[in-house]
Amino acid sequence: MPKQPIHVRVQPRSSQEKVEKQSDGSYKVWVHAAPADGQANAAVIALLAKYLGLPKSALTLVRGAHGR
């Protein structure tokens, strides 16, 4: 299966955890975790993997580790 990048917009410190697919094909992800020490990134990978039905190891953060 070829690797395909997806665009994700993250809202850290949210009161809810959810994933929404946007009309342009990107995803918006809300997580409880704070954007410190990679906590939000780890939470996004876990939540997105569950949403997509993939193992966490199948997802990789390519860029944006320090931004939304």
Protein backbone atom coordinates (compact mmCIF):
# COMPACT_ATOMS: atom_id res chain seq x y z
CA MET A 1 0.00 0.00 0.00
CA PRO A 2 1.60 3.31 -1.05
CA LYS A 3 2.09 6.03 1.52
CA GLN A 4 -0.20 8.99 1.05
CA PRO A 5 0.07 12.25 3.00
CA ILE A 6 -3.05 13.74 4.55
CA HIS A 7 -3.56 17.25 5.87
CA VAL A 8 -4.62 17.45 9.52
CA ARG A 9 -5.59 20.52 11.54
CA VAL A 10 -5.30 19.94 15.30
CA GLN A 11 -7.09 21.64 18.19
CA PRO A 12 -5.21 20.73 21.39
CA ARG A 13 -6.63 21.15 24.92
CA SER A 14 -10.13 20.51 23.66
CA SER A 15 -12.99 19.43 25.89
CA GLN A 16 -13.70 16.58 23.48
CA GLU A 17 -11.75 14.11 21.38
CA LYS A 18 -13.03 13.62 17.85
CA VAL A 19 -12.08 13.51 14.18
CA GLU A 20 -14.00 15.20 11.37
CA LYS A 21 -13.29 14.80 7.68
CA GLN A 22 -13.55 18.17 5.94
CA SER A 23 -15.05 18.72 2.48
CA ASP A 24 -11.59 19.30 0.98
CA GLY A 25 -10.39 15.85 2.11
CA SER A 26 -8.39 17.10 5.10
CA TYR A 27 -9.14 16.20 8.72
CA LYS A 28 -9.79 18.28 11.80
CA VAL A 29 -8.83 16.58 15.06
CA TRP A 30 -9.67 17.69 18.60
CA VAL A 31 -7.65 16.19 21.48
CA HIS A 32 -7.56 16.67 25.25
CA ALA A 33 -3.74 16.64 25.36
CA ALA A 34 -1.67 19.78 25.71
CA PRO A 35 0.76 20.71 22.93
CA ALA A 36 3.79 20.07 25.15
CA ASP A 37 6.43 17.35 24.94
CA GLY A 38 4.70 15.74 21.96
CA GLN A 39 1.60 14.81 23.98
CA ALA A 40 -0.84 16.28 21.46
CA ASN A 41 1.01 14.68 18.53
CA ALA A 42 0.83 11.25 20.18
CA ALA A 43 -2.87 11.74 20.94
CA VAL A 44 -3.58 12.77 17.34
CA ILE A 45 -1.80 9.72 15.94
CA ALA A 46 -3.71 7.40 18.30
CA LEU A 47 -7.10 8.98 17.58
CA LEU A 48 -6.56 9.20 13.82
CA ALA A 49 -5.34 5.59 13.65
CA LYS A 50 -8.48 4.43 15.44
CA TYR A 51 -10.69 6.55 13.15
CA LEU A 52 -9.01 5.24 9.99
CA GLY A 53 -8.83 1.64 11.23
CA LEU A 54 -5.05 1.52 10.99
CA PRO A 55 -2.32 0.61 13.48
CA LYS A 56 -0.57 3.61 15.06
CA SER A 57 2.67 2.47 13.44
CA ALA A 58 1.11 3.10 10.01
CA LEU A 59 0.96 6.86 10.68
CA THR A 60 3.95 9.18 10.69
CA LEU A 61 4.17 12.87 11.45
CA VAL A 62 5.88 14.42 8.43
CA ARG A 63 5.86 18.09 9.38
CA GLY A 64 4.17 20.54 11.69
CA ALA A 65 5.37 19.05 14.97
CA HIS A 66 5.44 22.54 16.46
CA GLY A 67 2.34 24.02 14.85
CA ARG A 68 -1.28 23.21 14.16
